[in-house]
């Protein structure tokens, strides 16, 4: 997603079926190794490395 008021701001929203699965993915060493190059590239393209925020889903809706 791109911020309409500041196009230099980009957001990615990733939703997991549970916090347990999210933490398992976050702590998977195989994934961490593969992300090193991606994070370095993102740091070059963007103003620094990505920031992560943990959110709680309050409500879900479907069309």
PDB file of N, CA and C in Angstrom:
ATOM      1  N   UNK A   1       0.847  -1.166   0.000  1.00  0.00           N
ATOM      2  CA  UNK A   1       0.000   0.000   0.000  1.00  0.00           C
ATOM      3  C   UNK A   1       0.895   1.232   0.000  1.00  0.00           C
ATOM      4  N   UNK A   2       0.425   2.270  -0.648  1.00  0.00           N
ATOM      5  CA  UNK A   2       1.182   3.524  -0.696  1.00  0.00           C
ATOM      6  C   UNK A   2       0.322   4.615  -0.060  1.00  0.00           C
ATOM      7  N   UNK A   3       0.956   5.433   0.763  1.00  0.00           N
ATOM      8  CA  UNK A   3       0.281   6.533   1.444  1.00  0.00           C
ATOM      9  C   UNK A   3      -0.137   7.573   0.408  1.00  0.00           C
ATOM     10  N   UNK A   4      -1.415   7.943   0.374  1.00  0.00           N
ATOM     11  CA  UNK A   4      -1.914   8.914  -0.601  1.00  0.00           C
ATOM     12  C   UNK A   4      -1.340  10.306  -0.370  1.00  0.00           C
ATOM     13  N   UNK A   5      -1.060  10.638   0.878  1.00  0.00           N
ATOM     14  CA  UNK A   5      -0.542  11.968   1.188  1.00  0.00           C
ATOM     15  C   UNK A   5       0.975  12.038   1.090  1.00  0.00           C
ATOM     16  N   UNK A   6       1.623  10.890   1.199  1.00  0.00           N
ATOM     17  CA  UNK A   6       3.082  10.847   1.112  1.00  0.00           C
ATOM     18  C   UNK A   6       3.471   9.594   0.333  1.00  0.00           C
ATOM     19  N   UNK A   7       3.550   9.687  -1.003  1.00  0.00           N
ATOM     20  CA  UNK A   7       3.833   8.517  -1.840  1.00  0.00           C
ATOM     21  C   UNK A   7       5.170   7.838  -1.539  1.00  0.00           C
ATOM     22  N   UNK A   8       6.033   8.492  -0.771  1.00  0.00           N
ATOM     23  CA  UNK A   8       7.286   7.836  -0.409  1.00  0.00           C
ATOM     24  C   UNK A   8       7.093   6.831   0.729  1.00  0.00           C
ATOM     25  N   UNK A   9       5.918   6.850   1.355  1.00  0.00           N
ATOM     26  CA  UNK A   9       5.598   5.910   2.436  1.00  0.00           C
ATOM     27  C   UNK A   9       4.887   4.690   1.851  1.00  0.00           C
ATOM     28  N   UNK A  10       5.450   3.522   2.102  1.00  0.00           N
ATOM     29  CA  UNK A  10       4.885   2.276   1.581  1.00  0.00           C
ATOM     30  C   UNK A  10       4.627   1.341   2.756  1.00  0.00           C
ATOM     31  N   UNK A  11       3.489   0.654   2.731  1.00  0.00           N
ATOM     32  CA  UNK A  11       3.112  -0.257   3.810  1.00  0.00           C
ATOM     33  C   UNK A  11       2.786  -1.630   3.244  1.00  0.00           C
ATOM     34  N   UNK A  12       3.090  -2.640   4.008  1.00  0.00           N
ATOM     35  CA  UNK A  12       2.702  -3.995   3.653  1.00  0.00           C
ATOM     36  C   UNK A  12       1.991  -4.578   4.872  1.00  0.00           C
ATOM     37  N   UNK A  13       0.818  -5.123   4.655  1.00  0.00           N
ATOM     38  CA  UNK A  13       0.052  -5.730   5.730  1.00  0.00           C
ATOM     39  C   UNK A  13       0.038  -7.233   5.516  1.00  0.00           C
ATOM     40  N   UNK A  14       0.536  -7.954   6.487  1.00  0.00           N
ATOM     41  CA  UNK A  14       0.569  -9.410   6.413  1.00  0.00           C
ATOM     42  C   UNK A  14      -0.276  -9.940   7.564  1.00  0.00           C
ATOM     43  N   UNK A  15      -1.250 -10.780   7.253  1.00  0.00           N
ATOM     44  CA  UNK A  15      -2.157 -11.318   8.271  1.00  0.00           C
ATOM     45  C   UNK A  15      -1.950 -12.825   8.358  1.00  0.00           C
ATOM     46  N   UNK A  16      -1.780 -13.308   9.564  1.00  0.00           N
ATOM     47  CA  UNK A  16      -1.597 -14.738   9.823  1.00  0.00           C
ATOM     48  C   UNK A  16      -2.837 -15.293  10.495  1.00  0.00           C
ATOM     49  N   UNK A  17      -3.035 -16.592  10.366  1.00  0.00           N
ATOM     50  CA  UNK A  17      -4.224 -17.192  10.972  1.00  0.00           C
ATOM     51  C   UNK A  17      -4.154 -17.218  12.494  1.00  0.00           C
ATOM     52  N   UNK A  18      -2.941 -17.093  13.050  1.00  0.00           N
ATOM     53  CA  UNK A  18      -2.806 -17.044  14.508  1.00  0.00           C
ATOM     54  C   UNK A  18      -1.479 -16.390  14.857  1.00  0.00           C
ATOM     55  N   UNK A  19      -1.379 -15.899  16.079  1.00  0.00           N
ATOM     56  CA  UNK A  19      -0.113 -15.322  16.527  1.00  0.00           C
ATOM     57  C   UNK A  19       0.948 -16.408  16.622  1.00  0.00           C
ATOM     58  N   UNK A  20       0.535 -17.599  16.988  1.00  0.00           N
ATOM     59  CA  UNK A  20       1.479 -18.722  17.080  1.00  0.00           C
ATOM     60  C   UNK A  20       2.169 -18.968  15.737  1.00  0.00           C
ATOM     61  N   UNK A  21       1.395 -18.972  14.662  1.00  0.00           N
ATOM     62  CA  UNK A  21       1.982 -19.177  13.327  1.00  0.00           C
ATOM     63  C   UNK A  21       2.876 -18.013  12.920  1.00  0.00           C
ATOM     64  N   UNK A  22       2.454 -16.811  13.268  1.00  0.00           N
ATOM     65  CA  UNK A  22       3.266 -15.634  12.945  1.00  0.00           C
ATOM     66  C   UNK A  22       4.612 -15.714  13.651  1.00  0.00           C
ATOM     67  N   UNK A  23       4.605 -16.071  14.929  1.00  0.00           N
ATOM     68  CA  UNK A  23       5.857 -16.152  15.699  1.00  0.00           C
ATOM     69  C   UNK A  23       6.735 -17.297  15.191  1.00  0.00           C
ATOM     70  N   UNK A  24       6.126 -18.400  14.801  1.00  0.00           N
ATOM     71  CA  UNK A  24       6.907 -19.518  14.262  1.00  0.00           C
ATOM     72  C   UNK A  24       7.614 -19.082  12.981  1.00  0.00           C
ATOM     73  N   UNK A  25       6.920 -18.351  12.132  1.00  0.00           N
ATOM     74  CA  UNK A  25       7.530 -17.860  10.888  1.00  0.00           C
ATOM     75  C   UNK A  25       8.624 -16.845  11.199  1.00  0.00           C
ATOM     76  N   UNK A  26       8.342 -15.974  12.128  1.00  0.00           N
ATOM     77  CA  UNK A  26       9.300 -14.941  12.514  1.00  0.00           C
ATOM     78  C   UNK A  26      10.599 -15.556  13.052  1.00  0.00           C
ATOM     79  N   UNK A  27      10.499 -16.669  13.748  1.00  0.00           N
ATOM     80  CA  UNK A  27      11.659 -17.302  14.376  1.00  0.00           C
ATOM     81  C   UNK A  27      12.291 -18.406  13.546  1.00  0.00           C
ATOM     82  N   UNK A  28      11.782 -18.644  12.349  1.00  0.00           N
ATOM     83  CA  UNK A  28      12.320 -19.694  11.474  1.00  0.00           C
ATOM     84  C   UNK A  28      13.690 -19.249  10.939  1.00  0.00           C
ATOM     85  N   UNK A  29      14.749 -19.931  11.361  1.00  0.00           N
ATOM     86  CA  UNK A  29      16.106 -19.551  10.960  1.00  0.00           C
ATOM     87  C   UNK A  29      16.320 -19.636   9.448  1.00  0.00           C
ATOM     88  N   UNK A  30      15.687 -20.594   8.779  1.00  0.00           N
ATOM     89  CA  UNK A  30      15.844 -20.700   7.322  1.00  0.00           C
ATOM     90  C   UNK A  30      15.316 -19.449   6.650  1.00  0.00           C
ATOM     91  N   UNK A  31      14.213 -18.933   7.133  1.00  0.00           N
ATOM     92  CA  UNK A  31      13.620 -17.727   6.567  1.00  0.00           C
ATOM     93  C   UNK A  31      14.504 -16.517   6.864  1.00  0.00           C
ATOM     94  N   UNK A  32      15.045 -16.430   8.065  1.00  0.00           N
ATOM     95  CA  UNK A  32      15.896 -15.303   8.446  1.00  0.00           C
ATOM     96  C   UNK A  32      17.115 -15.190   7.542  1.00  0.00           C
ATOM     97  N   UNK A  33      17.730 -16.323   7.237  1.00  0.00           N
ATOM     98  CA  UNK A  33      18.905 -16.328   6.373  1.00  0.00           C
ATOM     99  C   UNK A  33      18.560 -15.803   4.982  1.00  0.00           C
ATOM    100  N   UNK A  34      17.416 -16.229   4.458  1.00  0.00           N
ATOM    101  CA  UNK A  34      16.994 -15.793   3.136  1.00  0.00           C
ATOM    102  C   UNK A  34      16.613 -14.325   3.082  1.00  0.00           C
ATOM    103  N   UNK A  35      16.196 -13.769   4.210  1.00  0.00           N
ATOM    104  CA  UNK A  35      15.755 -12.378   4.241  1.00  0.00           C
ATOM    105  C   UNK A  35      16.895 -11.375   4.350  1.00  0.00           C
ATOM    106  N   UNK A  36      18.075 -11.820   4.670  1.00  0.00           N
ATOM    107  CA  UNK A  36      19.192 -10.893   4.839  1.00  0.00           C
ATOM    108  C   UNK A  36      19.435 -10.063   3.579  1.00  0.00           C
ATOM    109  N   UNK A  37      19.466 -10.703   2.436  1.00  0.00           N
ATOM    110  CA  UNK A  37      19.690  -9.985   1.175  1.00  0.00           C
ATOM    111  C   UNK A  37      18.520  -9.069   0.857  1.00  0.00           C
ATOM    112  N   UNK A  38      17.301  -9.531   1.125  1.00  0.00           N
ATOM    113  CA  UNK A  38      16.109  -8.718   0.864  1.00  0.00           C
ATOM    114  C   UNK A  38      16.123  -7.470   1.737  1.00  0.00           C
ATOM    115  N   UNK A  39      16.445  -7.632   2.997  1.00  0.00           N
ATOM    116  CA  UNK A  39      16.488  -6.474   3.904  1.00  0.00           C
ATOM    117  C   UNK A  39      17.563  -5.482   3.482  1.00  0.00           C
ATOM    118  N   UNK A  40      18.702  -5.964   3.026  1.00  0.00           N
ATOM    119  CA  UNK A  40      19.769  -5.073   2.568  1.00  0.00           C
ATOM    120  C   UNK A  40      19.307  -4.282   1.345  1.00  0.00           C
ATOM    121  N   UNK A  41      18.634  -4.946   0.422  1.00  0.00           N
ATOM    122  CA  UNK A  41      18.118  -4.263  -0.771  1.00  0.00           C
ATOM    123  C   UNK A  41      17.063  -3.234  -0.393  1.00  0.00           C
ATOM    124  N   UNK A  42      16.159  -3.610   0.510  1.00  0.00           N
ATOM    125  CA  UNK A  42      15.113  -2.675   0.941  1.00  0.00           C
ATOM    126  C   UNK A  42      15.730  -1.463   1.635  1.00  0.00           C
ATOM    127  N   UNK A  43      16.777  -1.665   2.412  1.00  0.00           N
ATOM    128  CA  UNK A  43      17.432  -0.549   3.102  1.00  0.00           C
ATOM    129  C   UNK A  43      18.054   0.418   2.098  1.00  0.00           C
ATOM    130  N   UNK A  44      18.514  -0.100   0.955  1.00  0.00           N
ATOM    131  CA  UNK A  44      19.087   0.763  -0.088  1.00  0.00           C
ATOM    132  C   UNK A  44      18.003   1.536  -0.827  1.00  0.00           C
ATOM    133  N   UNK A  45      16.878   0.870  -1.099  1.00  0.00           N
ATOM    134  CA  UNK A  45      15.788   1.491  -1.864  1.00  0.00           C
ATOM    135  C   UNK A  45      15.024   2.496  -1.012  1.00  0.00           C
ATOM    136  N   UNK A  46      14.723   2.097   0.224  1.00  0.00           N
ATOM    137  CA  UNK A  46      13.927   2.934   1.121  1.00  0.00           C
ATOM    138  C   UNK A  46      14.845   3.673   2.091  1.00  0.00           C
ATOM    139  N   UNK A  47      14.259   4.515   2.903  1.00  0.00           N
ATOM    140  CA  UNK A  47      15.022   5.260   3.908  1.00  0.00           C
ATOM    141  C   UNK A  47      15.259   4.380   5.131  1.00  0.00           C
ATOM    142  N   UNK A  48      16.087   3.374   4.973  1.00  0.00           N
ATOM    143  CA  UNK A  48      16.407   2.484   6.085  1.00  0.00           C
ATOM    144  C   UNK A  48      15.687   1.163   6.004  1.00  0.00           C
ATOM    145  N   UNK A  49      15.954   0.339   6.984  1.00  0.00           N
ATOM    146  CA  UNK A  49      15.356  -0.996   7.036  1.00  0.00           C
ATOM    147  C   UNK A  49      13.871  -0.903   7.402  1.00  0.00           C
ATOM    148  N   UNK A  50      13.104  -1.948   7.085  1.00  0.00           N
ATOM    149  CA  UNK A  50      11.679  -1.918   7.414  1.00  0.00           C
ATOM    150  C   UNK A  50      11.460  -1.941   8.924  1.00  0.00           C
ATOM    151  N   UNK A  51      10.353  -1.346   9.337  1.00  0.00           N
ATOM    152  CA  UNK A  51       9.943  -1.376  10.737  1.00  0.00           C
ATOM    153  C   UNK A  51       8.753  -2.314  10.847  1.00  0.00           C
ATOM    154  N   UNK A  52       8.723  -3.081  11.911  1.00  0.00           N
ATOM    155  CA  UNK A  52       7.642  -4.033  12.112  1.00  0.00           C
ATOM    156  C   UNK A  52       6.796  -3.608  13.302  1.00  0.00           C
ATOM    157  N   UNK A  53       5.486  -3.773  13.172  1.00  0.00           N
ATOM    158  CA  UNK A  53       4.542  -3.434  14.231  1.00  0.00           C
ATOM    159  C   UNK A  53       3.612  -4.622  14.415  1.00  0.00           C
ATOM    160  N   UNK A  54       3.403  -5.037  15.649  1.00  0.00           N
ATOM    161  CA  UNK A  54       2.456  -6.115  15.934  1.00  0.00           C
ATOM    162  C   UNK A  54       1.091  -5.495  16.200  1.00  0.00           C
ATOM    163  N   UNK A  55       0.094  -5.974  15.475  1.00  0.00           N
ATOM    164  CA  UNK A  55      -1.276  -5.476  15.624  1.00  0.00           C
ATOM    165  C   UNK A  55      -2.201  -6.622  16.012  1.00  0.00           C
ATOM    166  N   UNK A  56      -3.317  -6.293  16.617  1.00  0.00           N
ATOM    167  CA  UNK A  56      -4.343  -7.268  16.965  1.00  0.00           C
ATOM    168  C   UNK A  56      -5.564  -6.990  16.099  1.00  0.00           C
ATOM    169  N   UNK A  57      -6.088  -8.002  15.443  1.00  0.00           N
ATOM    170  CA  UNK A  57      -7.297  -7.843  14.637  1.00  0.00           C
ATOM    171  C   UNK A  57      -8.468  -7.657  15.594  1.00  0.00           C
ATOM    172  N   UNK A  58      -9.168  -6.542  15.435  1.00  0.00           N
ATOM    173  CA  UNK A  58     -10.291  -6.228  16.299  1.00  0.00           C
ATOM    174  C   UNK A  58     -11.592  -6.745  15.690  1.00  0.00           C
ATOM    175  N   UNK A  59     -11.687  -6.639  14.359  1.00  0.00           N
ATOM    176  CA  UNK A  59     -12.906  -7.072  13.681  1.00  0.00           C
ATOM    177  C   UNK A  59     -12.571  -7.417  12.246  1.00  0.00           C
ATOM    178  N   UNK A  60     -13.203  -8.432  11.712  1.00  0.00           N
ATOM    179  CA  UNK A  60     -13.039  -8.803  10.318  1.00  0.00           C
ATOM    180  C   UNK A  60     -14.371  -8.652   9.602  1.00  0.00           C
ATOM    181  N   UNK A  61     -14.317  -8.174   8.368  1.00  0.00           N
ATOM    182  CA  UNK A  61     -15.527  -8.076   7.547  1.00  0.00           C
ATOM    183  C   UNK A  61     -15.220  -8.660   6.171  1.00  0.00           C
ATOM    184  N   UNK A  62     -16.242  -9.141   5.523  1.00  0.00           N
ATOM    185  CA  UNK A  62     -16.131  -9.679   4.167  1.00  0.00           C
ATOM    186  C   UNK A  62     -17.178  -9.027   3.300  1.00  0.00           C
ATOM    187  N   UNK A  63     -16.869  -8.848   2.012  1.00  0.00           N
ATOM    188  CA  UNK A  63     -17.882  -8.237   1.118  1.00  0.00           C
ATOM    189  C   UNK A  63     -19.083  -9.112   0.937  1.00  0.00           C
TER     190      UNK A  63
END
